[in-house]
Protein backbone atom coordinates (compact mmCIF):
# COMPACT_ATOMS: atom_id res chain seq x y z
CA UNK A 1 131.10 80.22 117.10
CA UNK A 2 130.34 83.49 118.55
CA UNK A 3 131.09 83.27 122.47
CA UNK A 4 128.28 86.13 123.79
CA UNK A 5 124.81 86.77 123.26
CA UNK A 6 123.37 89.66 124.30
CA UNK A 7 120.16 91.01 124.60
CA UNK A 8 118.94 94.95 125.15
CA UNK A 9 116.45 94.18 127.81
CA UNK A 10 115.35 98.25 127.66
CA UNK A 11 115.63 100.98 130.49
CA UNK A 12 119.95 101.16 128.80
CA UNK A 13 119.76 97.43 130.32
CA UNK A 14 121.41 94.25 128.37
CA UNK A 15 121.75 90.84 129.87
CA UNK A 16 124.66 88.69 127.93
CA UNK A 17 124.90 84.96 128.12
CA UNK A 18 128.44 83.19 128.09
CA UNK A 19 127.43 80.51 125.82
CA UNK A 20 129.93 77.96 127.01
CA UNK A 21 128.64 77.97 130.35
CA UNK A 22 125.37 79.64 130.40
CA UNK A 23 125.95 82.14 133.06
CA UNK A 24 124.79 85.54 132.61
CA UNK A 25 125.65 89.23 133.53
CA UNK A 26 123.88 92.49 132.83
CA UNK A 27 124.75 95.90 132.85
CA UNK A 28 123.43 99.22 133.41
CA UNK A 29 124.39 102.40 132.04
CA UNK A 30 125.81 104.55 134.84
CA UNK A 31 123.91 106.68 136.60
CA UNK A 32 126.04 109.73 135.00
CA UNK A 33 125.16 108.95 131.67
CA UNK A 34 121.33 108.34 132.15
CA UNK A 35 120.91 105.31 133.87
CA UNK A 36 120.35 103.37 137.22
CA UNK A 37 123.79 102.02 137.87
CA UNK A 38 122.12 99.10 139.46
CA UNK A 39 124.54 96.73 137.92
CA UNK A 40 128.52 96.59 135.86
CA UNK A 41 128.19 99.28 133.27
CA UNK A 42 129.92 98.22 129.93
CA UNK A 43 133.13 100.82 131.01
CA UNK A 44 133.54 99.26 134.33
CA UNK A 45 133.53 95.12 132.34
CA UNK A 46 136.63 96.81 130.40
CA UNK A 47 138.06 98.34 133.69
CA UNK A 48 137.27 94.83 135.79
CA UNK A 49 138.69 92.67 132.59
CA UNK A 50 141.86 94.43 132.88
CA UNK A 51 142.25 93.26 136.04
CA UNK A 52 140.88 90.00 135.86
CA UNK A 53 143.37 89.51 132.80
CA UNK A 54 146.14 90.33 134.70
CA UNK A 55 145.39 88.44 138.08
CA UNK A 56 144.44 85.02 136.12
CA UNK A 57 148.04 85.30 134.19
CA UNK A 58 149.81 86.28 137.45
CA UNK A 59 148.55 82.82 138.41
CA UNK A 60 149.34 80.87 135.77
CA UNK A 61 152.89 82.21 136.29
CA UNK A 62 152.36 81.40 139.73
CA UNK A 63 151.53 77.54 139.02
CA UNK A 64 154.05 77.43 136.64
CA UNK A 65 156.84 78.82 138.63
CA UNK A 66 156.22 77.16 141.77
CA UNK A 67 154.94 80.05 143.90
CA UNK A 68 151.67 81.25 145.84
CA UNK A 69 149.69 84.30 144.84
CA UNK A 70 146.34 83.20 146.57
CA UNK A 71 144.62 86.03 148.96
CA UNK A 72 145.79 88.82 146.22
CA UNK A 73 143.64 91.35 146.46
CA UNK A 74 143.04 93.91 143.68
CA UNK A 75 141.35 97.71 143.52
CA UNK A 76 140.43 99.17 139.90
CA UNK A 77 139.30 102.62 139.30
CA UNK A 78 137.90 103.91 136.21
CA UNK A 79 138.04 107.26 135.81
CA UNK A 80 136.32 108.53 132.84
CA UNK A 81 136.78 111.46 130.53
CA UNK A 82 134.55 114.21 127.81
CA UNK A 83 134.85 114.85 124.50
CA UNK A 84 134.73 112.24 123.92
CA UNK A 85 133.48 110.10 126.57
CA UNK A 86 135.46 107.54 127.50
CA UNK A 87 137.78 105.71 129.65
CA UNK A 88 141.03 107.92 130.16
CA UNK A 89 142.65 106.30 132.56
CA UNK A 90 141.93 102.75 134.22
CA UNK A 91 144.19 102.52 138.12
CA UNK A 92 144.78 98.67 139.13
CA UNK A 93 146.12 98.27 142.57
CA UNK A 94 146.85 95.32 143.58
CA UNK A 95 147.87 93.47 147.06
CA UNK A 96 149.92 90.62 147.27
CA UNK A 97 149.82 88.45 150.36
CA UNK A 98 153.18 87.83 151.49
CA UNK A 99 156.39 89.21 150.80
CA UNK A 100 158.74 86.27 150.04
CA UNK A 101 158.88 86.66 146.74
CA UNK A 102 162.03 86.69 144.81
CA UNK A 103 163.00 89.32 142.51
CA UNK A 104 162.83 86.99 139.16
CA UNK A 105 158.72 86.51 140.99
CA UNK A 106 158.30 90.14 141.11
CA UNK A 107 159.80 91.02 137.82
CA UNK A 108 157.46 88.52 136.23
CA UNK A 109 154.33 90.29 137.89
CA UNK A 110 155.01 93.03 136.92
CA UNK A 111 156.20 92.51 133.35
CA UNK A 112 152.31 90.75 133.12
CA UNK A 113 150.46 93.70 134.56
CA UNK A 114 151.56 95.54 131.66
CA UNK A 115 151.20 92.69 129.23
CA UNK A 116 148.17 90.41 129.97
CA UNK A 117 145.75 89.81 126.40
CA UNK A 118 143.58 93.07 127.69
CA UNK A 119 146.40 95.50 128.44
CA UNK A 120 148.11 94.81 125.08
CA UNK A 121 144.35 95.14 123.45
CA UNK A 122 143.34 98.58 125.09
CA UNK A 123 144.41 101.58 123.08
CA UNK A 124 147.81 103.16 123.88
CA UNK A 125 145.89 106.39 124.54
CA UNK A 126 144.13 104.86 127.53
CA UNK A 127 146.57 105.16 130.98
CA UNK A 128 146.81 102.27 132.78
CA UNK A 129 148.42 102.82 136.62
CA UNK A 130 149.69 99.71 137.91
CA UNK A 131 150.43 99.73 141.62
CA UNK A 132 151.82 96.73 143.34
CA UNK A 133 152.11 96.22 146.83
CA UNK A 134 154.16 93.25 148.69
CA UNK A 135 152.52 92.48 152.26
């Protein structure tokens, strides 16, 4: 059974519908690739998926192990390369809200950032730079 249905709307724009929930999202080609850049580009979604996967799995681990990561923020930078045009690097910068994590919890957080399902699904040549700050 399909997960998503996508319609090409013209003008380098798509509309994707998550079939289970009915939620939609729109993509545009970026301005540096003939688009309007008014919505996430497909490559922006790849970078976003990586960060969202990391924090979701960290949230699961936190809930299961009895610690709190609510309020964690994330900044994601996507670096494109040419020849071929592709994502060359994704930089994920996590800032966790307080500094009372045990060494074991920090190790779990750091392990998850490099081993979440999206991270493991990306091509090994795509550089993943992960920066973690504990406030």
